[in-house]
Protein backbone atom coordinates (compact mmCIF):
# COMPACT_ATOMS: atom_id res chain seq x y z
CA UNK A 1 0.00 0.00 0.00
CA UNK A 2 1.32 3.42 -0.89
CA UNK A 3 2.09 5.92 1.83
CA UNK A 4 -0.35 8.81 2.08
CA UNK A 5 1.14 12.23 2.72
CA UNK A 6 -0.86 14.83 4.61
CA UNK A 7 -0.12 17.40 1.90
CA UNK A 8 -1.81 15.15 -0.69
CA UNK A 9 -5.16 15.47 1.09
CA UNK A 10 -7.29 18.45 0.09
CA UNK A 11 -9.56 19.96 2.73
CA UNK A 12 -12.51 22.08 1.68
CA UNK A 13 -15.00 23.96 3.81
CA UNK A 14 -17.76 24.38 1.28
CA UNK A 15 -20.75 22.12 1.93
CA UNK A 16 -21.80 20.49 -1.32
CA UNK A 17 -24.80 18.33 -2.24
CA UNK A 18 -24.05 14.72 -1.36
CA UNK A 19 -21.56 15.52 1.44
CA UNK A 20 -23.98 14.85 4.29
CA UNK A 21 -25.18 11.63 2.71
CA UNK A 22 -21.61 10.46 2.35
CA UNK A 23 -20.85 11.32 5.98
CA UNK A 24 -23.86 9.19 6.98
CA UNK A 25 -22.67 6.33 4.78
CA UNK A 26 -19.15 6.43 6.24
CA UNK A 27 -20.50 6.33 9.79
CA UNK A 28 -22.96 3.51 9.14
CA UNK A 29 -20.44 1.39 7.24
CA UNK A 30 -17.31 1.93 9.33
CA UNK A 31 -18.90 1.75 12.76
CA UNK A 32 -20.81 -1.41 11.85
CA UNK A 33 -17.55 -3.06 10.75
CA UNK A 34 -15.29 -1.69 13.50
CA UNK A 35 -17.58 -1.50 16.52
CA UNK A 36 -20.64 -3.61 15.75
CA UNK A 37 -23.01 -0.63 15.85
CA UNK A 38 -26.40 -1.32 14.30
CA UNK A 39 -29.02 0.52 12.31
CA UNK A 40 -29.99 2.58 15.36
CA UNK A 41 -26.59 4.27 15.19
CA UNK A 42 -27.05 5.08 11.51
CA UNK A 43 -30.53 6.46 12.28
CA UNK A 44 -28.98 8.62 15.03
CA UNK A 45 -26.40 9.99 12.59
CA UNK A 46 -29.02 10.59 9.89
CA UNK A 47 -31.25 12.49 12.32
CA UNK A 48 -28.38 14.76 13.33
CA UNK A 49 -27.31 15.33 9.74
CA UNK A 50 -30.91 16.15 8.80
CA UNK A 51 -30.96 18.75 11.56
CA UNK A 52 -27.66 20.16 10.28
CA UNK A 53 -28.98 20.31 6.71
CA UNK A 54 -32.03 22.31 7.81
CA UNK A 55 -30.15 24.65 10.16
CA UNK A 56 -26.83 25.02 8.32
CA UNK A 57 -25.45 28.56 8.47
CA UNK A 58 -22.18 29.03 6.60
CA UNK A 59 -21.25 31.89 8.94
CA UNK A 60 -21.74 29.94 12.18
CA UNK A 61 -21.12 26.34 11.12
CA UNK A 62 -18.09 24.81 9.43
CA UNK A 63 -17.49 21.61 7.60
CA UNK A 64 -14.12 20.16 6.69
CA UNK A 65 -14.37 17.62 3.87
CA UNK A 66 -11.14 15.73 3.25
CA UNK A 67 -10.52 14.52 -0.29
CA UNK A 68 -7.76 12.44 -1.80
CA UNK A 69 -7.49 11.46 -5.44
CA UNK A 70 -11.06 12.58 -6.13
CA UNK A 71 -12.83 10.80 -3.28
CA UNK A 72 -14.00 11.84 0.17
CA UNK A 73 -11.81 10.23 2.83
CA UNK A 74 -12.92 12.03 5.98
CA UNK A 75 -14.87 14.85 7.53
CA UNK A 76 -15.38 17.03 10.57
CA UNK A 77 -18.41 19.19 11.28
CA UNK A 78 -18.64 22.13 13.69
CA UNK A 79 -22.28 22.96 14.38
CA UNK A 80 -23.29 26.11 16.26
CA UNK A 81 -25.45 25.82 19.32
CA UNK A 82 -26.86 28.48 21.60
CA UNK A 83 -23.73 28.94 23.76
CA UNK A 84 -21.16 26.59 22.22
CA UNK A 85 -20.02 24.79 19.12
CA UNK A 86 -20.63 21.08 18.87
CA UNK A 87 -17.88 19.02 17.26
CA UNK A 88 -19.65 16.30 15.25
CA UNK A 89 -19.06 13.62 12.64
CA UNK A 90 -15.28 13.42 12.96
CA UNK A 91 -14.38 10.43 10.80
CA UNK A 92 -11.70 9.15 8.44
CA UNK A 93 -11.41 6.06 6.32
CA UNK A 94 -9.05 3.64 8.11
CA UNK A 95 -6.18 4.09 5.65
CA UNK A 96 -6.18 7.86 6.34
CA UNK A 97 -5.81 7.56 10.10
CA UNK A 98 -2.43 8.24 11.65
CA UNK A 99 -1.16 10.61 8.95
CA UNK A 100 -1.77 13.79 11.00
CA UNK A 101 -5.13 14.68 9.50
CA UNK A 102 -6.93 14.52 12.84
CA UNK A 103 -4.45 16.90 14.45
CA UNK A 104 -4.70 19.26 11.49
CA UNK A 105 -8.50 19.38 11.63
CA UNK A 106 -8.55 19.79 15.41
CA UNK A 107 -6.20 22.77 15.08
CA UNK A 108 -8.48 24.22 12.39
CA UNK A 109 -11.51 23.61 14.62
CA UNK A 110 -9.88 25.54 17.49
CA UNK A 111 -8.90 28.34 15.08
CA UNK A 112 -12.51 28.49 13.84
CA UNK A 113 -13.72 28.84 17.44
CA UNK A 114 -11.25 31.65 18.07
CA UNK A 115 -12.14 33.39 14.80
CA UNK A 116 -15.82 33.32 15.78
CA UNK A 117 -15.09 34.40 19.37
CA UNK A 118 -16.63 31.22 20.78
CA UNK A 119 -15.00 29.94 23.97
CA UNK A 120 -16.97 26.71 24.55
CA UNK A 121 -17.27 23.51 22.57
CA UNK A 122 -18.47 20.01 23.29
CA UNK A 123 -18.77 16.61 21.68
CA UNK A 124 -20.31 13.22 22.33
CA UNK A 125 -18.50 9.95 21.72
CA UNK A 126 -18.39 6.47 23.19
CA UNK A 127 -15.95 4.80 25.54
CA UNK A 128 -14.81 2.61 22.61
CA UNK A 129 -13.24 5.47 20.65
CA UNK A 130 -9.83 5.37 22.34
CA UNK A 131 -7.77 7.07 19.59
CA UNK A 132 -10.31 9.85 19.17
CA UNK A 133 -10.56 10.43 22.93
CA UNK A 134 -6.78 10.68 23.12
CA UNK A 135 -6.81 13.34 20.40
CA UNK A 136 -9.64 15.28 22.05
CA UNK A 137 -7.94 15.35 25.44
CA UNK A 138 -4.63 16.45 23.88
CA UNK A 139 -6.52 19.47 22.55
CA UNK A 140 -7.97 20.29 25.96
CA UNK A 141 -11.35 18.57 25.97
CA UNK A 142 -12.31 17.20 29.39
CA UNK A 143 -14.74 14.43 30.26
CA UNK A 144 -17.85 16.00 31.82
CA UNK A 145 -20.57 13.36 31.57
CA UNK A 146 -21.02 9.62 31.13
CA UNK A 147 -24.17 7.62 30.61
CA UNK A 148 -24.84 3.97 29.85
CA UNK A 149 -26.50 3.44 26.49
CA UNK A 150 -27.91 0.76 24.21
CA UNK A 151 -28.82 3.33 21.53
CA UNK A 152 -26.34 1.99 18.98
CA UNK A 153 -27.40 -1.65 19.08
CA UNK A 154 -25.17 -2.82 21.92
CA UNK A 155 -24.32 -1.79 25.49
CA UNK A 156 -21.70 0.95 25.81
CA UNK A 157 -21.02 4.20 27.59
CA UNK A 158 -21.66 7.51 25.87
CA UNK A 159 -19.31 10.29 26.95
CA UNK A 160 -19.50 14.03 26.70
CA UNK A 161 -16.31 16.07 26.52
CA UNK A 162 -16.20 19.86 26.90
CA UNK A 163 -13.61 22.42 25.89
CA UNK A 164 -13.31 25.92 27.36
CA UNK A 165 -10.91 28.37 25.75
CA UNK A 166 -9.54 31.29 27.76
């Protein structure tokens, strides 16, 4: 397999038709294969993406679509809320993990918060997402809530992480 260089991956912030559907597909497919999540998880993702599609504001929200050789390989969505920004749908195809793309997008997410003058962000994940949690905590997110869940077709713990910038 050829080595993927971070500089070979294009990142765009324009939301295009089909992007949200592809984000839903990636989540449903990858999390079923990697974590055993069921259709309830895909329904959860689709509901959130539907909300984003209806409420999307290019001034307050941001999407980072990662493309390599003409195909979407990852994404991150920052969705405005009343008092914070929610980090959502942070996903990469397996072969694009570990090349520095996650760190790059997290830095861009923080810069977006600062540019908008927003000092609070949060995200929800599960206790199974060890690599992602490690990245979030390196960028200052702190665990603030845990709750047992069967919402994704199996028992797990959902976790909320919050970030407060000075």
